[in-house]
Each structure stands twice: as C-alpha cells, then as structure tokens.
Amino acid sequence: MHSQIIDSTLIDNNIKLNKYESDFLNDYLKEQRDTFDFSQKRIAFITGSSGSIIGNKKDYFKDINKWDKDYNSKIVTSLVIFNDNEKELSGGYDAILTYWVKLLTDKRKQKIIGQIKICR
C-alpha cells in the first residue's frame, strides 16, 4: 500500500485539485470513481461521523499518509459526485469526498452544498 503515499509538499490550499492531487485520487479511488476524472476538479472534503465537518485537502491527505504508514490500509472515503444543479448551488464544486463519515444522508448533503458555497 505504500505506493499510495503522496508527498505532503505537493498539496496546496486551492479548492481546485492540482495535477499531483488529481493523479493520486484517480488511482486511490479507481474502484469508486467509474469515469469521473479528478483532473482540475473542485472538491470539498467532508468529515465527522455524520458528515458535519468541512475538512480540507491537507488534513485528508495527512490522514491517508498516516493510515497507510500505521495500518498499511486506505482510509474510509466516499466520492459523491454532484449533478449540474448541485454544482451550481455549491458555487462550482464538482464533488465531495467524505472521510471517516459513517452515514451521509441526502438532507445532510444538501446542507453541505449550501455550506461549501459560503466557505469558498
């Protein structure tokens, strides 16, 4: 699993994924993403058991690296791709990645869409 680790110096704070981040996520989530390509996508990172915390890229990738190092495993991650309406309502985000979220309800997803637009 150690090939999954991404150098933390390659992570930036921009909501749009850079080449290193998108290449990594395309490989890391290849079983989930179907034809979705992370290149140049705007991704919101959501955490907390009910998806109530807006996270960030640096913490997400830090968790990936720590979990890989300590447990030689992937972290619990789900990709939620937005439709055109959700993308517009969110202020241009393409999707959310949840990490360490047990259950993401549609009601919570709609609340997140409104929250991330404000946080941009």
N, C-alpha and C. Protein backbone atom coordinates (compact mmCIF):
# COMPACT_ATOMS: atom_id res chain seq x y z
N MET A 1 0.83 -1.20 0.00
CA MET A 1 0.00 0.00 0.00
C MET A 1 0.86 1.25 0.00
N HIS A 2 2.13 1.15 0.35
CA HIS A 2 2.96 2.33 0.50
C HIS A 2 3.11 3.15 -0.78
N SER A 3 2.82 2.58 -1.93
CA SER A 3 2.88 3.36 -3.16
C SER A 3 1.79 4.43 -3.18
N GLN A 4 0.81 4.33 -2.27
CA GLN A 4 -0.29 5.28 -2.23
C GLN A 4 0.10 6.62 -1.61
N ILE A 5 1.18 6.67 -0.87
CA ILE A 5 1.52 7.89 -0.15
C ILE A 5 1.84 9.02 -1.13
N ILE A 6 1.32 10.20 -0.82
CA ILE A 6 1.58 11.38 -1.63
C ILE A 6 2.40 12.35 -0.78
N ASP A 7 3.40 12.94 -1.38
CA ASP A 7 4.27 13.89 -0.70
C ASP A 7 3.45 15.11 -0.27
N SER A 8 3.46 15.41 1.01
CA SER A 8 2.63 16.50 1.54
C SER A 8 3.04 17.86 0.99
N THR A 9 4.25 17.97 0.48
CA THR A 9 4.67 19.26 -0.10
C THR A 9 3.98 19.52 -1.43
N LEU A 10 3.33 18.52 -1.99
CA LEU A 10 2.64 18.68 -3.26
C LEU A 10 1.19 19.13 -3.07
N ILE A 11 0.72 19.20 -1.83
CA ILE A 11 -0.65 19.58 -1.52
C ILE A 11 -0.73 21.09 -1.34
N ASP A 12 -1.72 21.71 -1.98
CA ASP A 12 -1.91 23.15 -1.80
C ASP A 12 -3.28 23.42 -1.18
N ASN A 13 -3.60 24.68 -0.96
CA ASN A 13 -4.87 25.04 -0.33
C ASN A 13 -5.95 25.42 -1.32
N ASN A 14 -5.68 25.35 -2.60
CA ASN A 14 -6.65 25.71 -3.61
C ASN A 14 -7.78 24.69 -3.65
N ILE A 15 -9.03 25.15 -3.85
CA ILE A 15 -10.15 24.20 -3.92
C ILE A 15 -10.08 23.36 -5.18
N LYS A 16 -9.40 23.84 -6.20
CA LYS A 16 -9.22 23.05 -7.42
C LYS A 16 -8.01 22.15 -7.23
N LEU A 17 -8.18 20.89 -7.54
CA LEU A 17 -7.07 19.93 -7.37
C LEU A 17 -5.94 20.23 -8.34
N ASN A 18 -4.71 20.10 -7.85
CA ASN A 18 -3.56 20.22 -8.75
C ASN A 18 -3.28 18.86 -9.38
N LYS A 19 -2.33 18.81 -10.28
CA LYS A 19 -2.03 17.58 -11.02
C LYS A 19 -1.66 16.41 -10.10
N TYR A 20 -0.86 16.66 -9.08
CA TYR A 20 -0.42 15.60 -8.18
C TYR A 20 -1.60 15.05 -7.37
N GLU A 21 -2.43 15.95 -6.90
CA GLU A 21 -3.60 15.54 -6.11
C GLU A 21 -4.58 14.75 -6.97
N SER A 22 -4.86 15.26 -8.17
CA SER A 22 -5.84 14.57 -9.03
C SER A 22 -5.30 13.22 -9.52
N ASP A 23 -4.03 13.16 -9.88
CA ASP A 23 -3.45 11.87 -10.29
C ASP A 23 -3.53 10.86 -9.15
N PHE A 24 -3.20 11.31 -7.95
CA PHE A 24 -3.26 10.43 -6.79
C PHE A 24 -4.68 9.92 -6.57
N LEU A 25 -5.65 10.84 -6.55
CA LEU A 25 -7.04 10.46 -6.27
C LEU A 25 -7.63 9.59 -7.38
N ASN A 26 -7.24 9.83 -8.63
CA ASN A 26 -7.71 8.96 -9.72
C ASN A 26 -7.28 7.52 -9.48
N ASP A 27 -6.08 7.33 -8.95
CA ASP A 27 -5.60 5.99 -8.64
C ASP A 27 -6.19 5.46 -7.33
N TYR A 28 -6.17 6.28 -6.30
CA TYR A 28 -6.62 5.88 -4.95
C TYR A 28 -8.08 5.45 -4.94
N LEU A 29 -8.90 6.12 -5.73
CA LEU A 29 -10.34 5.85 -5.74
C LEU A 29 -10.82 5.25 -7.06
N LYS A 30 -9.94 4.53 -7.74
CA LYS A 30 -10.28 4.00 -9.06
C LYS A 30 -11.48 3.05 -9.02
N GLU A 31 -11.70 2.36 -7.91
CA GLU A 31 -12.84 1.44 -7.81
C GLU A 31 -14.16 2.20 -7.66
N GLN A 32 -14.12 3.41 -7.13
CA GLN A 32 -15.33 4.19 -6.87
C GLN A 32 -15.70 5.15 -7.98
N ARG A 33 -14.74 5.68 -8.66
CA ARG A 33 -14.98 6.87 -9.48
C ARG A 33 -15.57 6.59 -10.86
N ASP A 34 -15.59 5.33 -11.31
CA ASP A 34 -16.12 4.98 -12.62
C ASP A 34 -15.39 5.83 -13.67
N THR A 35 -16.08 6.72 -14.36
CA THR A 35 -15.44 7.55 -15.39
C THR A 35 -15.10 8.95 -14.90
N PHE A 36 -15.42 9.24 -13.66
CA PHE A 36 -15.11 10.55 -13.09
C PHE A 36 -13.60 10.74 -13.04
N ASP A 37 -13.13 11.86 -13.56
CA ASP A 37 -11.71 12.19 -13.56
C ASP A 37 -11.50 13.39 -12.64
N PHE A 38 -10.61 13.26 -11.68
CA PHE A 38 -10.36 14.32 -10.71
C PHE A 38 -9.59 15.51 -11.27
N SER A 39 -9.07 15.40 -12.47
CA SER A 39 -8.26 16.48 -13.05
C SER A 39 -9.02 17.79 -13.09
N GLN A 40 -8.39 18.83 -12.49
CA GLN A 40 -8.92 20.19 -12.47
C GLN A 40 -10.29 20.31 -11.81
N LYS A 41 -10.65 19.36 -10.96
CA LYS A 41 -11.95 19.39 -10.29
C LYS A 41 -11.85 20.15 -8.98
N ARG A 42 -12.99 20.73 -8.60
CA ARG A 42 -13.12 21.41 -7.31
C ARG A 42 -13.81 20.43 -6.37
N ILE A 43 -13.11 20.07 -5.31
CA ILE A 43 -13.58 19.04 -4.40
C ILE A 43 -13.68 19.62 -2.99
N ALA A 44 -14.80 19.34 -2.33
CA ALA A 44 -14.95 19.68 -0.91
C ALA A 44 -14.67 18.42 -0.11
N PHE A 45 -13.98 18.57 0.99
CA PHE A 45 -13.61 17.45 1.86
C PHE A 45 -14.46 17.52 3.11
N ILE A 46 -15.22 16.47 3.37
CA ILE A 46 -16.18 16.44 4.47
C ILE A 46 -15.82 15.29 5.41
N THR A 47 -15.87 15.55 6.71
CA THR A 47 -15.52 14.54 7.70
C THR A 47 -16.48 14.60 8.88
N GLY A 48 -16.22 13.82 9.91
CA GLY A 48 -17.11 13.71 11.06
C GLY A 48 -18.07 12.56 10.82
N SER A 49 -18.47 11.87 11.85
CA SER A 49 -19.26 10.65 11.67
C SER A 49 -20.56 10.87 10.89
N SER A 50 -21.14 12.05 10.98
CA SER A 50 -22.37 12.34 10.23
C SER A 50 -22.13 13.30 9.07
N GLY A 51 -20.87 13.57 8.76
CA GLY A 51 -20.55 14.48 7.67
C GLY A 51 -20.79 15.93 8.03
N SER A 52 -20.60 16.26 9.30
CA SER A 52 -20.93 17.60 9.77
C SER A 52 -19.76 18.58 9.78
N ILE A 53 -18.58 18.11 9.41
CA ILE A 53 -17.39 18.97 9.47
C ILE A 53 -16.82 19.16 8.07
N ILE A 54 -16.64 20.42 7.70
CA ILE A 54 -15.97 20.70 6.43
C ILE A 54 -14.47 20.62 6.69
N GLY A 55 -13.86 19.63 6.07
CA GLY A 55 -12.43 19.41 6.25
C GLY A 55 -11.64 20.17 5.21
N ASN A 56 -10.43 19.71 4.97
CA ASN A 56 -9.59 20.33 3.94
C ASN A 56 -8.65 19.30 3.34
N LYS A 57 -8.06 19.66 2.21
CA LYS A 57 -7.18 18.73 1.50
C LYS A 57 -6.00 18.28 2.33
N LYS A 58 -5.36 19.24 2.99
CA LYS A 58 -4.15 18.90 3.74
C LYS A 58 -4.44 17.85 4.81
N ASP A 59 -5.52 18.02 5.55
CA ASP A 59 -5.88 17.04 6.59
C ASP A 59 -6.25 15.69 5.98
N TYR A 60 -6.98 15.72 4.86
CA TYR A 60 -7.36 14.49 4.19
C TYR A 60 -6.12 13.69 3.77
N PHE A 61 -5.21 14.35 3.09
CA PHE A 61 -4.01 13.65 2.62
C PHE A 61 -3.11 13.26 3.79
N LYS A 62 -3.08 14.06 4.84
CA LYS A 62 -2.32 13.69 6.04
C LYS A 62 -2.89 12.41 6.65
N ASP A 63 -4.22 12.30 6.70
CA ASP A 63 -4.85 11.08 7.21
C ASP A 63 -4.52 9.88 6.33
N ILE A 64 -4.55 10.07 5.02
CA ILE A 64 -4.21 8.98 4.09
C ILE A 64 -2.80 8.47 4.39
N ASN A 65 -1.85 9.40 4.49
CA ASN A 65 -0.46 9.02 4.72
C ASN A 65 -0.26 8.35 6.07
N LYS A 66 -0.90 8.90 7.10
CA LYS A 66 -0.77 8.33 8.45
C LYS A 66 -1.38 6.92 8.50
N TRP A 67 -2.56 6.76 7.94
CA TRP A 67 -3.24 5.47 7.97
C TRP A 67 -2.46 4.43 7.19
N ASP A 68 -1.89 4.84 6.06
CA ASP A 68 -1.07 3.93 5.26
C ASP A 68 0.17 3.51 6.05
N LYS A 69 0.82 4.48 6.67
CA LYS A 69 2.04 4.19 7.44
C LYS A 69 1.74 3.32 8.66
N ASP A 70 0.69 3.67 9.41
CA ASP A 70 0.39 2.96 10.66
C ASP A 70 -0.32 1.62 10.46
N TYR A 71 -1.17 1.54 9.43
CA TYR A 71 -2.02 0.34 9.28
C TYR A 71 -1.92 -0.31 7.90
N ASN A 72 -1.11 0.27 7.01
CA ASN A 72 -0.95 -0.27 5.67
C ASN A 72 -2.31 -0.49 5.00
N SER A 73 -3.17 0.54 5.12
CA SER A 73 -4.53 0.43 4.62
C SER A 73 -5.02 1.80 4.15
N LYS A 74 -6.13 1.79 3.42
CA LYS A 74 -6.76 3.03 2.98
C LYS A 74 -7.71 3.55 4.06
N ILE A 75 -7.95 4.87 4.06
CA ILE A 75 -8.93 5.43 4.97
C ILE A 75 -10.32 5.29 4.34
N VAL A 76 -11.34 5.34 5.17
CA VAL A 76 -12.72 5.25 4.69
C VAL A 76 -13.05 6.54 3.94
N THR A 77 -13.27 6.41 2.65
CA THR A 77 -13.53 7.56 1.78
C THR A 77 -14.67 7.23 0.83
N SER A 78 -15.55 8.20 0.62
CA SER A 78 -16.61 8.04 -0.38
C SER A 78 -16.63 9.27 -1.27
N LEU A 79 -16.82 9.02 -2.54
CA LEU A 79 -16.92 10.08 -3.54
C LEU A 79 -18.40 10.33 -3.82
N VAL A 80 -18.82 11.58 -3.69
CA VAL A 80 -20.19 11.98 -4.01
C VAL A 80 -20.11 13.02 -5.12
N ILE A 81 -20.46 12.61 -6.32
CA ILE A 81 -20.36 13.47 -7.49
C ILE A 81 -21.64 14.29 -7.61
N PHE A 82 -21.47 15.58 -7.84
CA PHE A 82 -22.62 16.47 -7.96
C PHE A 82 -23.21 16.44 -9.38
N ASN A 83 -24.52 16.58 -9.45
CA ASN A 83 -25.15 16.80 -10.75
C ASN A 83 -25.00 18.29 -11.08
N ASP A 84 -25.45 18.70 -12.26
CA ASP A 84 -25.27 20.09 -12.69
C ASP A 84 -25.92 21.09 -11.74
N ASN A 85 -27.10 20.76 -11.24
CA ASN A 85 -27.80 21.66 -10.31
C ASN A 85 -27.03 21.79 -8.99
N GLU A 86 -26.57 20.68 -8.46
CA GLU A 86 -25.81 20.69 -7.20
C GLU A 86 -24.50 21.46 -7.37
N LYS A 87 -23.88 21.30 -8.54
CA LYS A 87 -22.64 22.02 -8.81
C LYS A 87 -22.89 23.53 -8.79
N GLU A 88 -23.97 23.95 -9.41
CA GLU A 88 -24.30 25.38 -9.42
C GLU A 88 -24.63 25.88 -8.01
N LEU A 89 -25.44 25.12 -7.26
CA LEU A 89 -25.83 25.53 -5.91
C LEU A 89 -24.64 25.58 -4.95
N SER A 90 -23.63 24.77 -5.21
CA SER A 90 -22.46 24.72 -4.32
C SER A 90 -21.44 25.80 -4.63
N GLY A 91 -21.65 26.54 -5.68
CA GLY A 91 -20.67 27.56 -6.06
C GLY A 91 -19.59 27.03 -6.96
N GLY A 92 -19.84 25.92 -7.63
CA GLY A 92 -18.88 25.41 -8.61
C GLY A 92 -18.12 24.17 -8.22
N TYR A 93 -18.43 23.57 -7.08
CA TYR A 93 -17.77 22.32 -6.70
C TYR A 93 -18.28 21.19 -7.59
N ASP A 94 -17.38 20.27 -7.91
CA ASP A 94 -17.73 19.12 -8.75
C ASP A 94 -18.19 17.92 -7.92
N ALA A 95 -17.68 17.83 -6.69
CA ALA A 95 -17.98 16.66 -5.87
C ALA A 95 -17.52 16.91 -4.44
N ILE A 96 -17.90 15.99 -3.58
CA ILE A 96 -17.35 15.97 -2.23
C ILE A 96 -16.69 14.62 -2.00
N LEU A 97 -15.64 14.64 -1.21
CA LEU A 97 -15.03 13.41 -0.71
C LEU A 97 -15.30 13.39 0.78
N THR A 98 -15.96 12.34 1.21
CA THR A 98 -16.16 12.18 2.65
C THR A 98 -15.06 11.28 3.17
N TYR A 99 -14.61 11.58 4.37
CA TYR A 99 -13.65 10.69 5.02
C TYR A 99 -14.00 10.58 6.49
N TRP A 100 -14.02 9.34 6.93
CA TRP A 100 -14.43 8.98 8.29
C TRP A 100 -15.90 9.32 8.55
N VAL A 101 -16.72 9.33 7.51
CA VAL A 101 -18.15 9.59 7.64
C VAL A 101 -18.87 8.25 7.63
N LYS A 102 -19.68 8.00 8.67
CA LYS A 102 -20.43 6.75 8.75
C LYS A 102 -21.64 6.74 7.83
N LEU A 103 -22.38 7.85 7.82
CA LEU A 103 -23.59 7.92 7.02
C LEU A 103 -23.81 9.35 6.56
N LEU A 104 -23.98 9.52 5.26
CA LEU A 104 -24.26 10.83 4.70
C LEU A 104 -25.67 10.79 4.11
N THR A 105 -26.59 11.44 4.76
CA THR A 105 -27.97 11.47 4.29
C THR A 105 -28.11 12.51 3.19
N ASP A 106 -29.18 12.42 2.41
CA ASP A 106 -29.42 13.41 1.38
C ASP A 106 -29.67 14.78 2.00
N LYS A 107 -30.34 14.81 3.14
CA LYS A 107 -30.58 16.07 3.83
C LYS A 107 -29.26 16.73 4.22
N ARG A 108 -28.34 15.94 4.75
CA ARG A 108 -27.03 16.46 5.15
C ARG A 108 -26.25 16.92 3.92
N LYS A 109 -26.35 16.16 2.82
CA LYS A 109 -25.67 16.52 1.58
C LYS A 109 -26.15 17.89 1.11
N GLN A 110 -27.44 18.14 1.15
CA GLN A 110 -27.98 19.42 0.72
C GLN A 110 -27.48 20.56 1.62
N LYS A 111 -27.35 20.28 2.90
CA LYS A 111 -26.83 21.29 3.83
C LYS A 111 -25.36 21.59 3.51
N ILE A 112 -24.61 20.57 3.21
CA ILE A 112 -23.20 20.73 2.85
C ILE A 112 -23.07 21.60 1.60
N ILE A 113 -23.94 21.37 0.63
CA ILE A 113 -23.89 22.14 -0.62
C ILE A 113 -24.02 23.63 -0.32
N GLY A 114 -24.93 23.99 0.58
CA GLY A 114 -25.08 25.39 0.97
C GLY A 114 -23.90 25.90 1.76
N GLN A 115 -23.34 25.07 2.63
CA GLN A 115 -22.21 25.49 3.47
C GLN A 115 -20.95 25.72 2.66
N ILE A 116 -20.65 24.85 1.71
CA ILE A 116 -19.40 25.00 0.98
C ILE A 116 -19.43 26.21 0.06
N LYS A 117 -20.62 26.60 -0.40
CA LYS A 117 -20.72 27.80 -1.22
C LYS A 117 -20.29 29.02 -0.41
N ILE A 118 -20.69 29.06 0.85
CA ILE A 118 -20.36 30.17 1.73
C ILE A 118 -18.87 30.17 2.07
N CYS A 119 -18.27 28.99 2.20
CA CYS A 119 -16.87 28.87 2.64
C CYS A 119 -15.86 29.16 1.53
N ARG A 120 -16.30 29.22 0.32
CA ARG A 120 -15.37 29.41 -0.80
C ARG A 120 -14.53 30.58 -0.58
